[in-house]
Amino acid sequence: MKATIWHNPKCGTSRKTLAILENLSKVEVEVIEYLKDPPTADKLAQLYKDAGLAPNEGLRIRGTDAVERGLPDADAQVVLDAMAADPILIERPLVETDKGVRLCRPQDVVLEIL
């Protein structure tokens, strides 16, 4: 099974999720450091749709200016465009497998799609 993780190595939850994935021999892991290689707004839309989340549910509030920018109450496309332009606004980690997508907070949520 292949798993793609949108990862921030400075985030403890993201590191713990990656460790879960790497410790499973059946999983081939693709790591995307999304701050260096951000997903497009279209890719984010697909990820959130597949996770059953609205884009504002994947919005990182802590440590960002999302509230000041009015993003928690903005429409989906505005949020997606802001995330694509400023990837620090993406809550992490997102993990995608052929069984679905999860925002892995807490990290054990990743087990639902393995």
C-alpha atoms as a PDB file:
ATOM      1  CA  MET A   1       0.000   0.000   0.000  1.00  0.00           C
ATOM      2  CA  LYS A   2       1.141   3.505  -0.790  1.00  0.00           C
ATOM      3  CA  ALA A   3       0.612   6.386   1.620  1.00  0.00           C
ATOM      4  CA  THR A   4       1.337  10.028   0.902  1.00  0.00           C
ATOM      5  CA  ILE A   5       1.854  12.314   3.884  1.00  0.00           C
ATOM      6  CA  TRP A   6       1.854  16.093   3.675  1.00  0.00           C
ATOM      7  CA  HIS A   7       4.425  16.562   6.405  1.00  0.00           C
ATOM      8  CA  ASN A   8       6.044  19.282   8.473  1.00  0.00           C
ATOM      9  CA  PRO A   9       9.164  17.885  10.169  1.00  0.00           C
ATOM     10  CA  LYS A  10       8.920  20.563  12.887  1.00  0.00           C
ATOM     11  CA  CYS A  11       5.471  19.305  13.980  1.00  0.00           C
ATOM     12  CA  GLY A  12       5.378  16.591  16.652  1.00  0.00           C
ATOM     13  CA  THR A  13       2.058  15.142  15.481  1.00  0.00           C
ATOM     14  CA  SER A  14       3.323  15.020  11.914  1.00  0.00           C
ATOM     15  CA  ARG A  15       6.524  13.252  13.025  1.00  0.00           C
ATOM     16  CA  LYS A  16       4.520  10.732  15.073  1.00  0.00           C
ATOM     17  CA  THR A  17       2.205  10.034  12.134  1.00  0.00           C
ATOM     18  CA  LEU A  18       5.174   9.534   9.824  1.00  0.00           C
ATOM     19  CA  ALA A  19       6.726   7.139  12.359  1.00  0.00           C
ATOM     20  CA  ILE A  20       3.533   5.046  12.368  1.00  0.00           C
ATOM     21  CA  LEU A  21       3.638   4.846   8.583  1.00  0.00           C
ATOM     22  CA  GLU A  22       7.352   4.033   8.430  1.00  0.00           C
ATOM     23  CA  ASN A  23       7.041   1.283  11.042  1.00  0.00           C
ATOM     24  CA  LEU A  24       4.518  -0.647   8.947  1.00  0.00           C
ATOM     25  CA  SER A  25       6.330  -2.854   6.447  1.00  0.00           C
ATOM     26  CA  LYS A  26       3.305  -3.018   4.164  1.00  0.00           C
ATOM     27  CA  VAL A  27       3.299   0.756   3.571  1.00  0.00           C
ATOM     28  CA  GLU A  28       5.338   2.547   0.928  1.00  0.00           C
ATOM     29  CA  VAL A  29       5.529   6.137   2.169  1.00  0.00           C
ATOM     30  CA  GLU A  30       5.815   9.245   0.024  1.00  0.00           C
ATOM     31  CA  VAL A  31       6.705  12.277   2.126  1.00  0.00           C
ATOM     32  CA  ILE A  32       5.836  15.726   0.827  1.00  0.00           C
ATOM     33  CA  GLU A  33       7.132  18.608   2.907  1.00  0.00           C
ATOM     34  CA  TYR A  34       4.192  20.834   2.073  1.00  0.00           C
ATOM     35  CA  LEU A  35       5.872  24.039   3.255  1.00  0.00           C
ATOM     36  CA  LYS A  36       8.534  23.514   0.553  1.00  0.00           C
ATOM     37  CA  ASP A  37       6.239  21.899  -2.032  1.00  0.00           C
ATOM     38  CA  PRO A  38       2.699  23.119  -1.349  1.00  0.00           C
ATOM     39  CA  PRO A  39      -0.311  21.412  -2.882  1.00  0.00           C
ATOM     40  CA  THR A  40      -2.457  23.344  -5.318  1.00  0.00           C
ATOM     41  CA  ALA A  41      -5.882  24.619  -4.340  1.00  0.00           C
ATOM     42  CA  ASP A  42      -7.367  21.877  -6.544  1.00  0.00           C
ATOM     43  CA  LYS A  43      -5.345  19.163  -4.791  1.00  0.00           C
ATOM     44  CA  LEU A  44      -6.376  20.513  -1.401  1.00  0.00           C
ATOM     45  CA  ALA A  45     -10.022  20.549  -2.491  1.00  0.00           C
ATOM     46  CA  GLN A  46      -9.733  16.880  -3.492  1.00  0.00           C
ATOM     47  CA  LEU A  47      -7.993  15.937  -0.232  1.00  0.00           C
ATOM     48  CA  TYR A  48     -10.613  17.627   1.945  1.00  0.00           C
ATOM     49  CA  LYS A  49     -13.475  16.214  -0.121  1.00  0.00           C
ATOM     50  CA  ASP A  50     -12.010  12.700   0.214  1.00  0.00           C
ATOM     51  CA  ALA A  51     -11.549  13.260   3.956  1.00  0.00           C
ATOM     52  CA  GLY A  52     -15.135  14.442   4.338  1.00  0.00           C
ATOM     53  CA  LEU A  53     -14.003  17.846   5.574  1.00  0.00           C
ATOM     54  CA  ALA A  54     -14.783  21.399   4.583  1.00  0.00           C
ATOM     55  CA  PRO A  55     -11.624  23.362   3.753  1.00  0.00           C
ATOM     56  CA  ASN A  56     -12.026  25.582   6.820  1.00  0.00           C
ATOM     57  CA  GLU A  57     -11.915  22.400   8.967  1.00  0.00           C
ATOM     58  CA  GLY A  58      -8.385  21.855   7.623  1.00  0.00           C
ATOM     59  CA  LEU A  59      -7.330  25.421   8.355  1.00  0.00           C
ATOM     60  CA  ARG A  60      -4.487  25.859  10.820  1.00  0.00           C
ATOM     61  CA  ILE A  61      -5.353  28.571  13.316  1.00  0.00           C
ATOM     62  CA  ARG A  62      -2.574  28.292  15.898  1.00  0.00           C
ATOM     63  CA  GLY A  63       0.564  30.143  14.885  1.00  0.00           C
ATOM     64  CA  THR A  64      -1.051  31.754  11.837  1.00  0.00           C
ATOM     65  CA  ASP A  65      -2.944  34.909  10.964  1.00  0.00           C
ATOM     66  CA  ALA A  66      -5.973  32.941   9.730  1.00  0.00           C
ATOM     67  CA  VAL A  67      -8.384  34.567  12.180  1.00  0.00           C
ATOM     68  CA  GLU A  68      -7.139  38.066  11.428  1.00  0.00           C
ATOM     69  CA  ARG A  69      -7.647  37.356   7.727  1.00  0.00           C
ATOM     70  CA  GLY A  70     -11.214  36.168   8.341  1.00  0.00           C
ATOM     71  CA  LEU A  71     -10.473  32.730   6.920  1.00  0.00           C
ATOM     72  CA  PRO A  72     -12.412  30.575   9.412  1.00  0.00           C
ATOM     73  CA  ASP A  73     -15.649  32.095   8.083  1.00  0.00           C
ATOM     74  CA  ALA A  74     -14.572  32.546   4.465  1.00  0.00           C
ATOM     75  CA  ASP A  75     -15.971  30.507   1.602  1.00  0.00           C
ATOM     76  CA  ALA A  76     -14.212  27.307   0.591  1.00  0.00           C
ATOM     77  CA  GLN A  77     -12.415  28.665  -2.482  1.00  0.00           C
ATOM     78  CA  VAL A  78     -11.012  31.636  -0.548  1.00  0.00           C
ATOM     79  CA  VAL A  79      -9.660  29.258   2.105  1.00  0.00           C
ATOM     80  CA  LEU A  80      -8.178  26.878  -0.488  1.00  0.00           C
ATOM     81  CA  ASP A  81      -6.528  29.726  -2.390  1.00  0.00           C
ATOM     82  CA  ALA A  82      -5.066  31.127   0.851  1.00  0.00           C
ATOM     83  CA  MET A  83      -3.698  27.709   1.826  1.00  0.00           C
ATOM     84  CA  ALA A  84      -2.119  27.170  -1.583  1.00  0.00           C
ATOM     85  CA  ALA A  85      -0.505  30.611  -1.466  1.00  0.00           C
ATOM     86  CA  ASP A  86       0.557  30.377   2.189  1.00  0.00           C
ATOM     87  CA  PRO A  87       0.890  26.677   3.133  1.00  0.00           C
ATOM     88  CA  ILE A  88       1.502  27.441   6.827  1.00  0.00           C
ATOM     89  CA  LEU A  89      -2.312  27.723   6.888  1.00  0.00           C
ATOM     90  CA  ILE A  90      -2.694  23.979   6.185  1.00  0.00           C
ATOM     91  CA  GLU A  91      -3.322  21.911   9.311  1.00  0.00           C
ATOM     92  CA  ARG A  92      -1.107  18.854   9.307  1.00  0.00           C
ATOM     93  CA  PRO A  93      -0.531  16.098   8.681  1.00  0.00           C
ATOM     94  CA  LEU A  94      -2.783  15.023   5.858  1.00  0.00           C
ATOM     95  CA  VAL A  95      -2.366  11.403   4.775  1.00  0.00           C
ATOM     96  CA  GLU A  96      -3.782   9.883   1.586  1.00  0.00           C
ATOM     97  CA  THR A  97      -4.019   6.182   0.762  1.00  0.00           C
ATOM     98  CA  ASP A  98      -6.214   4.195  -1.612  1.00  0.00           C
ATOM     99  CA  LYS A  99      -8.593   3.794   1.359  1.00  0.00           C
ATOM    100  CA  GLY A 100      -9.100   7.530   1.846  1.00  0.00           C
ATOM    101  CA  VAL A 101      -7.683  10.700   3.324  1.00  0.00           C
ATOM    102  CA  ARG A 102      -7.405  11.740   6.948  1.00  0.00           C
ATOM    103  CA  LEU A 103      -6.268  14.816   8.805  1.00  0.00           C
ATOM    104  CA  CYS A 104      -4.244  12.881  11.358  1.00  0.00           C
ATOM    105  CA  ARG A 105      -4.866  14.804  14.552  1.00  0.00           C
ATOM    106  CA  PRO A 106      -4.348  12.799  16.688  1.00  0.00           C
ATOM    107  CA  GLN A 107      -1.820  10.676  14.835  1.00  0.00           C
ATOM    108  CA  ASP A 108      -3.643   7.384  15.461  1.00  0.00           C
ATOM    109  CA  VAL A 109      -6.372   8.493  13.019  1.00  0.00           C
ATOM    110  CA  VAL A 110      -4.019   7.340  10.252  1.00  0.00           C
ATOM    111  CA  LEU A 111      -4.811   3.728  11.161  1.00  0.00           C
ATOM    112  CA  GLU A 112      -8.344   4.211   9.748  1.00  0.00           C
ATOM    113  CA  ILE A 113      -6.963   4.331   6.192  1.00  0.00           C
ATOM    114  CA  LEU A 114      -4.295   1.633   6.378  1.00  0.00           C
END
